[in-house]
Amino acid sequence: MVPVAGAQPWVHQIIEFGNRLLTFVVVAAAIAVLVALKTAGRRRELKAYGAASILGIVLQAVIGGISVHMELHWWTVALHFLPSMVLVWIAALLYSRIAEDDSQSPQRIFAAHTRQFAALAAGALSIVLITGTMVTGSGPHSGDADAGMKGRLELDTEVLAVVHAVCMYAYLLLTLLVVWQLYKQKAPQRAKYTAWVLVTVIIIQWGIGVAQFYLGVPRWTVPFHIAMSSVVVAFTAALWARGYARPRFQLDYSARETCSSSGLVSQRKGSN
């Protein structure tokens, strides 16, 4: 549970213990968000996202403890990683929805076909993530290098990598179909911008994965691939949120300018 003097390698202890401490920071942030939503009287949907984040983080802490006690078998690590992606999805939805005006009714932005392609793309992403955990579980970074195949997925890593890549190509194709539909239906610019950002991060993630495969999966590439997984999930969720949304809050700039002008006039009168 805490670092032990003399244990090797010490850097692994620092990472693991730091991860545990970070849990409290993330929980505190999630609680602060939920309190702010309740205080502001925001709509039930947003508060549900906030509450789900808190419960999910606590559940993740439990799963993480179980995976450690089960000696980090590949499937326990996979079950620890995948809920993290769900939490990223929820956080991205909350971020996308929080600027919407609660007093307005939600509007369908995407046409039916666009929405269907977006749903299929999200489903394909789920399969990409699952197959990705299987590649990791069978590869060189799934556990103790001195433990052989103990606790690892005993399947051919190269075959799993090909399956993972095929799923990724299907996901990219479906995302490009969403982009095509957005232009076909003349969707708002924000939706098209989000879609192109998503395509960009998918391509970057693809490049990292290809580099890993041909370089023999050097350990320094793993954090980048995991981090980009979160980015891909976040922008997929953001694109999904663009399809069905409320009008956003409109700042009354004229009122602000009036107040500023009034204040300036008062200052001038006072100086005279």
C-alpha atoms as a PDB file:
ATOM      1  CA  MET A   1       0.000   0.000   0.000  1.00  0.00           C
ATOM      2  CA  VAL A   2       2.949   2.346   0.697  1.00  0.00           C
ATOM      3  CA  PRO A   3       6.565   2.402  -0.615  1.00  0.00           C
ATOM      4  CA  VAL A   4       8.897  -0.069   1.094  1.00  0.00           C
ATOM      5  CA  ALA A   5      12.553   0.805   1.639  1.00  0.00           C
ATOM      6  CA  GLY A   6      14.965  -1.329  -0.368  1.00  0.00           C
ATOM      7  CA  ALA A   7      12.317  -2.775  -2.693  1.00  0.00           C
ATOM      8  CA  GLN A   8      13.151  -2.881  -6.397  1.00  0.00           C
ATOM      9  CA  PRO A   9      12.518  -1.238  -8.725  1.00  0.00           C
ATOM     10  CA  TRP A  10      11.872   1.901  -6.674  1.00  0.00           C
ATOM     11  CA  VAL A  11      10.450   3.880  -9.612  1.00  0.00           C
ATOM     12  CA  HIS A  12       7.543   1.424  -9.868  1.00  0.00           C
ATOM     13  CA  GLN A  13       6.708   2.072  -6.223  1.00  0.00           C
ATOM     14  CA  ILE A  14       6.705   5.821  -6.797  1.00  0.00           C
ATOM     15  CA  ILE A  15       4.390   5.483  -9.797  1.00  0.00           C
ATOM     16  CA  GLU A  16       2.001   3.118  -8.012  1.00  0.00           C
ATOM     17  CA  PHE A  17       1.878   5.134  -4.791  1.00  0.00           C
ATOM     18  CA  GLY A  18       1.516   8.378  -6.738  1.00  0.00           C
ATOM     19  CA  ASN A  19      -1.397   6.850  -8.611  1.00  0.00           C
ATOM     20  CA  ARG A  20      -3.108   6.005  -5.335  1.00  0.00           C
ATOM     21  CA  LEU A  21      -2.589   9.510  -3.955  1.00  0.00           C
ATOM     22  CA  LEU A  22      -3.896  11.015  -7.188  1.00  0.00           C
ATOM     23  CA  THR A  23      -7.166   9.169  -6.628  1.00  0.00           C
ATOM     24  CA  PHE A  24      -7.948  11.475  -3.705  1.00  0.00           C
ATOM     25  CA  VAL A  25      -7.210  14.541  -5.835  1.00  0.00           C
ATOM     26  CA  VAL A  26      -9.503  13.336  -8.624  1.00  0.00           C
ATOM     27  CA  VAL A  27     -12.291  12.457  -6.174  1.00  0.00           C
ATOM     28  CA  ALA A  28     -12.002  15.886  -4.546  1.00  0.00           C
ATOM     29  CA  ALA A  29     -12.224  17.568  -7.947  1.00  0.00           C
ATOM     30  CA  ALA A  30     -15.269  15.481  -8.916  1.00  0.00           C
ATOM     31  CA  ILE A  31     -16.992  16.307  -5.615  1.00  0.00           C
ATOM     32  CA  ALA A  32     -16.247  20.011  -6.115  1.00  0.00           C
ATOM     33  CA  VAL A  33     -17.824  19.864  -9.580  1.00  0.00           C
ATOM     34  CA  LEU A  34     -20.955  18.141  -8.257  1.00  0.00           C
ATOM     35  CA  VAL A  35     -21.282  20.662  -5.407  1.00  0.00           C
ATOM     36  CA  ALA A  36     -20.923  23.519  -7.891  1.00  0.00           C
ATOM     37  CA  LEU A  37     -23.611  22.009 -10.125  1.00  0.00           C
ATOM     38  CA  LYS A  38     -26.003  21.616  -7.203  1.00  0.00           C
ATOM     39  CA  THR A  39     -25.274  25.110  -5.892  1.00  0.00           C
ATOM     40  CA  ALA A  40     -25.905  26.616  -9.318  1.00  0.00           C
ATOM     41  CA  GLY A  41     -29.161  24.675  -9.643  1.00  0.00           C
ATOM     42  CA  ARG A  42     -28.129  23.051 -12.902  1.00  0.00           C
ATOM     43  CA  ARG A  43     -30.277  20.440 -14.604  1.00  0.00           C
ATOM     44  CA  ARG A  44     -30.477  16.801 -13.516  1.00  0.00           C
ATOM     45  CA  GLU A  45     -28.487  15.444 -16.476  1.00  0.00           C
ATOM     46  CA  LEU A  46     -25.353  17.375 -15.493  1.00  0.00           C
ATOM     47  CA  LYS A  47     -25.625  16.375 -11.847  1.00  0.00           C
ATOM     48  CA  ALA A  48     -26.000  12.749 -12.929  1.00  0.00           C
ATOM     49  CA  TYR A  49     -22.715  13.009 -14.840  1.00  0.00           C
ATOM     50  CA  GLY A  50     -21.058  14.492 -11.761  1.00  0.00           C
ATOM     51  CA  ALA A  51     -22.385  11.784  -9.447  1.00  0.00           C
ATOM     52  CA  ALA A  52     -21.453   9.033 -11.909  1.00  0.00           C
ATOM     53  CA  SER A  53     -17.898  10.369 -12.015  1.00  0.00           C
ATOM     54  CA  ILE A  54     -17.557  10.163  -8.233  1.00  0.00           C
ATOM     55  CA  LEU A  55     -18.987   6.655  -8.047  1.00  0.00           C
ATOM     56  CA  GLY A  56     -16.843   5.549 -10.975  1.00  0.00           C
ATOM     57  CA  ILE A  57     -13.635   6.832  -9.400  1.00  0.00           C
ATOM     58  CA  VAL A  58     -14.400   5.042  -6.139  1.00  0.00           C
ATOM     59  CA  LEU A  59     -15.198   1.847  -8.057  1.00  0.00           C
ATOM     60  CA  GLN A  60     -11.936   2.210  -9.955  1.00  0.00           C
ATOM     61  CA  ALA A  61     -10.015   2.404  -6.684  1.00  0.00           C
ATOM     62  CA  VAL A  62     -11.606  -0.873  -5.602  1.00  0.00           C
ATOM     63  CA  ILE A  63     -10.862  -2.554  -8.945  1.00  0.00           C
ATOM     64  CA  GLY A  64      -7.279  -1.314  -8.774  1.00  0.00           C
ATOM     65  CA  GLY A  65      -6.810  -2.833  -5.334  1.00  0.00           C
ATOM     66  CA  ILE A  66      -8.266  -6.136  -6.512  1.00  0.00           C
ATOM     67  CA  SER A  67      -5.967  -6.212  -9.554  1.00  0.00           C
ATOM     68  CA  VAL A  68      -2.912  -5.686  -7.330  1.00  0.00           C
ATOM     69  CA  HIS A  69      -3.970  -8.461  -4.954  1.00  0.00           C
ATOM     70  CA  MET A  70      -4.488 -10.740  -7.965  1.00  0.00           C
ATOM     71  CA  GLU A  71      -0.877 -10.093  -9.027  1.00  0.00           C
ATOM     72  CA  LEU A  72      -1.864  -7.917 -11.985  1.00  0.00           C
ATOM     73  CA  HIS A  73      -3.212 -10.693 -14.190  1.00  0.00           C
ATOM     74  CA  TRP A  74      -3.819  -9.265 -17.629  1.00  0.00           C
ATOM     75  CA  TRP A  75      -7.598  -9.397 -17.453  1.00  0.00           C
ATOM     76  CA  THR A  76      -7.692  -7.577 -14.097  1.00  0.00           C
ATOM     77  CA  VAL A  77      -5.529  -4.817 -15.567  1.00  0.00           C
ATOM     78  CA  ALA A  78      -7.858  -4.649 -18.581  1.00  0.00           C
ATOM     79  CA  LEU A  79     -10.874  -4.359 -16.283  1.00  0.00           C
ATOM     80  CA  HIS A  80      -9.063  -1.531 -14.508  1.00  0.00           C
ATOM     81  CA  PHE A  81      -8.269   0.329 -17.734  1.00  0.00           C
ATOM     82  CA  LEU A  82     -11.612   0.102 -19.538  1.00  0.00           C
ATOM     83  CA  PRO A  83     -13.725   1.805 -16.817  1.00  0.00           C
ATOM     84  CA  SER A  84     -11.217   4.662 -16.939  1.00  0.00           C
ATOM     85  CA  MET A  85     -12.220   5.196 -20.552  1.00  0.00           C
ATOM     86  CA  VAL A  86     -15.876   5.252 -19.498  1.00  0.00           C
ATOM     87  CA  LEU A  87     -15.028   7.953 -16.956  1.00  0.00           C
ATOM     88  CA  VAL A  88     -13.255   9.949 -19.664  1.00  0.00           C
ATOM     89  CA  TRP A  89     -16.394   9.653 -21.827  1.00  0.00           C
ATOM     90  CA  ILE A  90     -18.588  10.916 -18.973  1.00  0.00           C
ATOM     91  CA  ALA A  91     -16.225  13.809 -18.232  1.00  0.00           C
ATOM     92  CA  ALA A  92     -16.195  14.807 -21.906  1.00  0.00           C
ATOM     93  CA  LEU A  93     -19.996  14.760 -22.046  1.00  0.00           C
ATOM     94  CA  LEU A  94     -20.164  16.930 -18.924  1.00  0.00           C
ATOM     95  CA  TYR A  95     -17.663  19.386 -20.379  1.00  0.00           C
ATOM     96  CA  SER A  96     -19.605  19.533 -23.652  1.00  0.00           C
ATOM     97  CA  ARG A  97     -23.013  19.951 -21.989  1.00  0.00           C
ATOM     98  CA  ILE A  98     -22.173  22.356 -19.177  1.00  0.00           C
ATOM     99  CA  ALA A  99     -22.274  25.459 -21.410  1.00  0.00           C
ATOM    100  CA  GLU A 100     -25.799  24.638 -22.594  1.00  0.00           C
ATOM    101  CA  ASP A 101     -28.736  26.715 -21.421  1.00  0.00           C
ATOM    102  CA  ASP A 102     -30.829  24.589 -19.033  1.00  0.00           C
ATOM    103  CA  SER A 103     -33.966  26.591 -19.858  1.00  0.00           C
ATOM    104  CA  GLN A 104     -33.821  25.611 -23.532  1.00  0.00           C
ATOM    105  CA  SER A 105     -35.116  22.378 -25.031  1.00  0.00           C
ATOM    106  CA  PRO A 106     -32.613  19.945 -26.578  1.00  0.00           C
ATOM    107  CA  GLN A 107     -32.432  19.964 -30.362  1.00  0.00           C
ATOM    108  CA  ARG A 108     -31.481  17.177 -32.753  1.00  0.00           C
ATOM    109  CA  ILE A 109     -28.439  18.461 -34.655  1.00  0.00           C
ATOM    110  CA  PHE A 110     -27.399  15.310 -36.517  1.00  0.00           C
ATOM    111  CA  ALA A 111     -29.617  13.655 -39.091  1.00  0.00           C
ATOM    112  CA  ALA A 112     -30.700  10.083 -38.392  1.00  0.00           C
ATOM    113  CA  HIS A 113     -28.026   8.512 -40.625  1.00  0.00           C
ATOM    114  CA  THR A 114     -25.305  10.670 -39.082  1.00  0.00           C
ATOM    115  CA  ARG A 115     -26.391   9.669 -35.607  1.00  0.00           C
ATOM    116  CA  GLN A 116     -26.351   5.999 -36.599  1.00  0.00           C
ATOM    117  CA  PHE A 117     -22.819   6.250 -37.995  1.00  0.00           C
ATOM    118  CA  ALA A 118     -21.713   8.046 -34.824  1.00  0.00           C
ATOM    119  CA  ALA A 119     -23.187   5.251 -32.696  1.00  0.00           C
ATOM    120  CA  LEU A 120     -21.455   2.612 -34.825  1.00  0.00           C
ATOM    121  CA  ALA A 121     -18.174   4.521 -34.516  1.00  0.00           C
ATOM    122  CA  ALA A 122     -18.536   4.614 -30.733  1.00  0.00           C
ATOM    123  CA  GLY A 123     -19.208   0.872 -30.725  1.00  0.00           C
ATOM    124  CA  ALA A 124     -16.163   0.268 -32.910  1.00  0.00           C
ATOM    125  CA  LEU A 125     -14.073   2.344 -30.504  1.00  0.00           C
ATOM    126  CA  SER A 126     -15.177   0.066 -27.670  1.00  0.00           C
ATOM    127  CA  ILE A 127     -13.918  -2.957 -29.600  1.00  0.00           C
ATOM    128  CA  VAL A 128     -10.655  -1.131 -30.382  1.00  0.00           C
ATOM    129  CA  LEU A 129     -10.104  -0.500 -26.670  1.00  0.00           C
ATOM    130  CA  ILE A 130     -10.912  -4.092 -25.707  1.00  0.00           C
ATOM    131  CA  THR A 131      -8.612  -5.583 -28.336  1.00  0.00           C
ATOM    132  CA  GLY A 132      -5.952  -3.090 -27.282  1.00  0.00           C
ATOM    133  CA  THR A 133      -5.982  -4.455 -23.737  1.00  0.00           C
ATOM    134  CA  MET A 134      -5.586  -7.946 -25.189  1.00  0.00           C
ATOM    135  CA  VAL A 135      -2.530  -6.869 -27.186  1.00  0.00           C
ATOM    136  CA  THR A 136      -1.032  -5.382 -24.038  1.00  0.00           C
ATOM    137  CA  GLY A 137      -1.946  -8.468 -22.025  1.00  0.00           C
ATOM    138  CA  SER A 138      -0.021 -10.712 -24.400  1.00  0.00           C
ATOM    139  CA  GLY A 139       2.903  -8.341 -24.924  1.00  0.00           C
ATOM    140  CA  PRO A 140       6.142  -7.536 -23.102  1.00  0.00           C
ATOM    141  CA  HIS A 141       4.683  -4.850 -20.823  1.00  0.00           C
ATOM    142  CA  SER A 142       1.824  -6.769 -19.206  1.00  0.00           C
ATOM    143  CA  GLY A 143       3.619  -7.694 -15.990  1.00  0.00           C
ATOM    144  CA  ASP A 144       6.922  -8.734 -14.452  1.00  0.00           C
ATOM    145  CA  ALA A 145       9.472  -9.396 -17.210  1.00  0.00           C
ATOM    146  CA  ASP A 146      11.069 -12.115 -15.057  1.00  0.00           C
ATOM    147  CA  ALA A 147       7.786 -13.972 -14.554  1.00  0.00           C
ATOM    148  CA  GLY A 148       7.542 -15.326 -18.088  1.00  0.00           C
ATOM    149  CA  MET A 149       3.955 -15.770 -19.308  1.00  0.00           C
ATOM    150  CA  LYS A 150       2.514 -16.086 -15.816  1.00  0.00           C
ATOM    151  CA  GLY A 151      -0.589 -13.935 -15.589  1.00  0.00           C
ATOM    152  CA  ARG A 152      -0.386 -12.927 -19.240  1.00  0.00           C
ATOM    153  CA  LEU A 153      -2.688 -13.622 -22.161  1.00  0.00           C
ATOM    154  CA  GLU A 154      -1.151 -16.605 -23.903  1.00  0.00           C
ATOM    155  CA  LEU A 155      -2.038 -15.659 -27.470  1.00  0.00           C
ATOM    156  CA  ASP A 156       0.112 -14.505 -30.365  1.00  0.00           C
ATOM    157  CA  THR A 157       0.766 -10.793 -29.885  1.00  0.00           C
ATOM    158  CA  GLU A 158       1.257 -10.105 -33.594  1.00  0.00           C
ATOM    159  CA  VAL A 159      -2.075 -11.711 -34.497  1.00  0.00           C
ATOM    160  CA  LEU A 160      -3.838  -9.706 -31.791  1.00  0.00           C
ATOM    161  CA  ALA A 161      -2.116  -6.547 -33.020  1.00  0.00           C
ATOM    162  CA  VAL A 162      -3.471  -7.167 -36.529  1.00  0.00           C
ATOM    163  CA  VAL A 163      -6.997  -7.696 -35.151  1.00  0.00           C
ATOM    164  CA  HIS A 164      -6.619  -4.510 -33.111  1.00  0.00           C
ATOM    165  CA  ALA A 165      -5.477  -2.614 -36.217  1.00  0.00           C
ATOM    166  CA  VAL A 166      -8.399  -3.876 -38.318  1.00  0.00           C
ATOM    167  CA  CYS A 167     -10.828  -2.706 -35.636  1.00  0.00           C
ATOM    168  CA  MET A 168      -9.092   0.672 -35.588  1.00  0.00           C
ATOM    169  CA  TYR A 169      -9.399   1.018 -39.372  1.00  0.00           C
ATOM    170  CA  ALA A 170     -13.113   0.226 -39.111  1.00  0.00           C
ATOM    171  CA  TYR A 171     -13.456   2.877 -36.413  1.00  0.00           C
ATOM    172  CA  LEU A 172     -11.628   5.457 -38.541  1.00  0.00           C
ATOM    173  CA  LEU A 173     -13.769   4.611 -41.579  1.00  0.00           C
ATOM    174  CA  LEU A 174     -16.983   5.052 -39.589  1.00  0.00           C
ATOM    175  CA  THR A 175     -15.717   8.365 -38.224  1.00  0.00           C
ATOM    176  CA  LEU A 176     -14.961   9.561 -41.760  1.00  0.00           C
ATOM    177  CA  LEU A 177     -18.493   8.549 -42.748  1.00  0.00           C
ATOM    178  CA  VAL A 178     -19.752  10.769 -39.928  1.00  0.00           C
ATOM    179  CA  VAL A 179     -17.665  13.645 -41.326  1.00  0.00           C
ATOM    180  CA  TRP A 180     -19.106  13.027 -44.798  1.00  0.00           C
ATOM    181  CA  GLN A 181     -22.650  13.043 -43.433  1.00  0.00           C
ATOM    182  CA  LEU A 182     -21.984  16.274 -41.527  1.00  0.00           C
ATOM    183  CA  TYR A 183     -20.997  18.050 -44.730  1.00  0.00           C
ATOM    184  CA  LYS A 184     -23.858  16.448 -46.635  1.00  0.00           C
ATOM    185  CA  GLN A 185     -26.439  17.746 -44.158  1.00  0.00           C
ATOM    186  CA  LYS A 186     -24.634  21.104 -43.713  1.00  0.00           C
ATOM    187  CA  ALA A 187     -24.175  20.606 -39.983  1.00  0.00           C
ATOM    188  CA  PRO A 188     -22.958  23.441 -37.722  1.00  0.00           C
ATOM    189  CA  GLN A 189     -19.290  24.369 -37.960  1.00  0.00           C
ATOM    190  CA  ARG A 190     -18.627  23.314 -34.351  1.00  0.00           C
ATOM    191  CA  ALA A 191     -19.669  19.755 -35.143  1.00  0.00           C
ATOM    192  CA  LYS A 192     -17.467  19.587 -38.244  1.00  0.00           C
ATOM    193  CA  TYR A 193     -14.518  21.057 -36.355  1.00  0.00           C
ATOM    194  CA  THR A 194     -14.874  18.471 -33.576  1.00  0.00           C
ATOM    195  CA  ALA A 195     -15.096  15.691 -36.154  1.00  0.00           C
ATOM    196  CA  TRP A 196     -11.885  16.782 -37.888  1.00  0.00           C
ATOM    197  CA  VAL A 197     -10.039  17.078 -34.582  1.00  0.00           C
ATOM    198  CA  LEU A 198     -11.175  13.531 -33.801  1.00  0.00           C
ATOM    199  CA  VAL A 199      -9.901  12.263 -37.155  1.00  0.00           C
ATOM    200  CA  THR A 200      -6.572  13.973 -36.465  1.00  0.00           C
ATOM    201  CA  VAL A 201      -6.084  12.393 -33.040  1.00  0.00           C
ATOM    202  CA  ILE A 202      -7.094   8.977 -34.422  1.00  0.00           C
ATOM    203  CA  ILE A 203      -4.369   9.283 -37.059  1.00  0.00           C
ATOM    204  CA  ILE A 204      -1.827  10.338 -34.425  1.00  0.00           C
ATOM    205  CA  GLN A 205      -2.813   7.365 -32.282  1.00  0.00           C
ATOM    206  CA  TRP A 206      -2.507   5.107 -35.325  1.00  0.00           C
ATOM    207  CA  GLY A 207       1.000   6.430 -35.940  1.00  0.00           C
ATOM    208  CA  ILE A 208       2.030   5.693 -32.362  1.00  0.00           C
ATOM    209  CA  GLY A 209       0.613   2.178 -32.611  1.00  0.00           C
ATOM    210  CA  VAL A 210       2.418   1.459 -35.882  1.00  0.00           C
ATOM    211  CA  ALA A 211       5.674   2.774 -34.409  1.00  0.00           C
ATOM    212  CA  GLN A 212       5.218   0.518 -31.390  1.00  0.00           C
ATOM    213  CA  PHE A 213       4.672  -2.515 -33.594  1.00  0.00           C
ATOM    214  CA  TYR A 214       7.745  -2.019 -35.771  1.00  0.00           C
ATOM    215  CA  LEU A 215      10.024  -0.800 -32.964  1.00  0.00           C
ATOM    216  CA  GLY A 216       9.276  -3.795 -30.754  1.00  0.00           C
ATOM    217  CA  VAL A 217       7.057  -1.871 -28.306  1.00  0.00           C
ATOM    218  CA  PRO A 218       9.714   0.196 -26.489  1.00  0.00           C
ATOM    219  CA  ARG A 219       8.434   1.043 -23.031  1.00  0.00           C
ATOM    220  CA  TRP A 220       8.607   4.818 -23.528  1.00  0.00           C
ATOM    221  CA  THR A 221       5.916   4.601 -26.229  1.00  0.00           C
ATOM    222  CA  VAL A 222       3.356   2.960 -23.933  1.00  0.00           C
ATOM    223  CA  PRO A 223       2.419   6.086 -21.899  1.00  0.00           C
ATOM    224  CA  PHE A 224       1.874   8.051 -25.120  1.00  0.00           C
ATOM    225  CA  HIS A 225      -0.406   5.343 -26.543  1.00  0.00           C
ATOM    226  CA  ILE A 226      -2.441   5.154 -23.334  1.00  0.00           C
ATOM    227  CA  ALA A 227      -2.717   8.942 -23.046  1.00  0.00           C
ATOM    228  CA  MET A 228      -3.844   9.254 -26.656  1.00  0.00           C
ATOM    229  CA  SER A 229      -6.500   6.605 -26.000  1.00  0.00           C
ATOM    230  CA  SER A 230      -8.038   9.017 -23.496  1.00  0.00           C
ATOM    231  CA  VAL A 231      -7.875  11.868 -26.011  1.00  0.00           C
ATOM    232  CA  VAL A 232      -9.560   9.757 -28.704  1.00  0.00           C
ATOM    233  CA  VAL A 233     -12.329   8.719 -26.303  1.00  0.00           C
ATOM    234  CA  ALA A 234     -12.843  12.318 -25.167  1.00  0.00           C
ATOM    235  CA  PHE A 235     -13.257  13.679 -28.688  1.00  0.00           C
ATOM    236  CA  THR A 236     -15.494  10.768 -29.696  1.00  0.00           C
ATOM    237  CA  ALA A 237     -17.744  11.670 -26.764  1.00  0.00           C
ATOM    238  CA  ALA A 238     -17.593  15.353 -27.710  1.00  0.00           C
ATOM    239  CA  LEU A 239     -18.659  14.538 -31.265  1.00  0.00           C
ATOM    240  CA  TRP A 240     -21.510  12.417 -29.934  1.00  0.00           C
ATOM    241  CA  ALA A 241     -22.594  15.331 -27.727  1.00  0.00           C
ATOM    242  CA  ARG A 242     -22.714  17.629 -30.750  1.00  0.00           C
ATOM    243  CA  GLY A 243     -25.477  15.523 -32.273  1.00  0.00           C
ATOM    244  CA  TYR A 244     -28.163  16.289 -29.708  1.00  0.00           C
ATOM    245  CA  ALA A 245     -27.753  19.486 -27.732  1.00  0.00           C
ATOM    246  CA  ARG A 246     -29.378  22.540 -26.207  1.00  0.00           C
ATOM    247  CA  PRO A 247     -28.546  26.085 -27.330  1.00  0.00           C
ATOM    248  CA  ARG A 248     -25.541  27.428 -25.463  1.00  0.00           C
ATOM    249  CA  PHE A 249     -25.637  30.271 -22.953  1.00  0.00           C
ATOM    250  CA  GLN A 250     -25.411  33.659 -24.653  1.00  0.00           C
ATOM    251  CA  LEU A 251     -23.420  36.339 -22.869  1.00  0.00           C
ATOM    252  CA  ASP A 252     -25.081  39.742 -22.955  1.00  0.00           C
ATOM    253  CA  TYR A 253     -22.146  41.780 -24.224  1.00  0.00           C
ATOM    254  CA  SER A 254     -24.315  44.864 -24.788  1.00  0.00           C
ATOM    255  CA  ALA A 255     -25.201  44.919 -21.096  1.00  0.00           C
ATOM    256  CA  ARG A 256     -21.552  44.577 -20.174  1.00  0.00           C
ATOM    257  CA  GLU A 257     -20.607  47.414 -22.524  1.00  0.00           C
ATOM    258  CA  THR A 258     -23.378  49.589 -21.059  1.00  0.00           C
ATOM    259  CA  CYS A 259     -22.137  48.932 -17.534  1.00  0.00           C
ATOM    260  CA  SER A 260     -18.569  49.663 -18.577  1.00  0.00           C
ATOM    261  CA  SER A 261     -19.596  52.897 -20.299  1.00  0.00           C
ATOM    262  CA  SER A 262     -21.636  53.984 -17.285  1.00  0.00           C
ATOM    263  CA  GLY A 263     -18.706  53.300 -15.021  1.00  0.00           C
ATOM    264  CA  LEU A 264     -16.381  55.291 -17.276  1.00  0.00           C
ATOM    265  CA  VAL A 265     -18.773  58.263 -17.305  1.00  0.00           C
ATOM    266  CA  SER A 266     -19.020  58.124 -13.505  1.00  0.00           C
ATOM    267  CA  GLN A 267     -15.246  58.114 -13.202  1.00  0.00           C
ATOM    268  CA  ARG A 268     -14.975  61.162 -15.482  1.00  0.00           C
ATOM    269  CA  LYS A 269     -17.616  63.049 -13.514  1.00  0.00           C
ATOM    270  CA  GLY A 270     -15.857  62.195 -10.305  1.00  0.00           C
ATOM    271  CA  SER A 271     -12.532  63.444 -11.652  1.00  0.00           C
ATOM    272  CA  ASN A 272     -14.141  66.740 -12.663  1.00  0.00           C
END
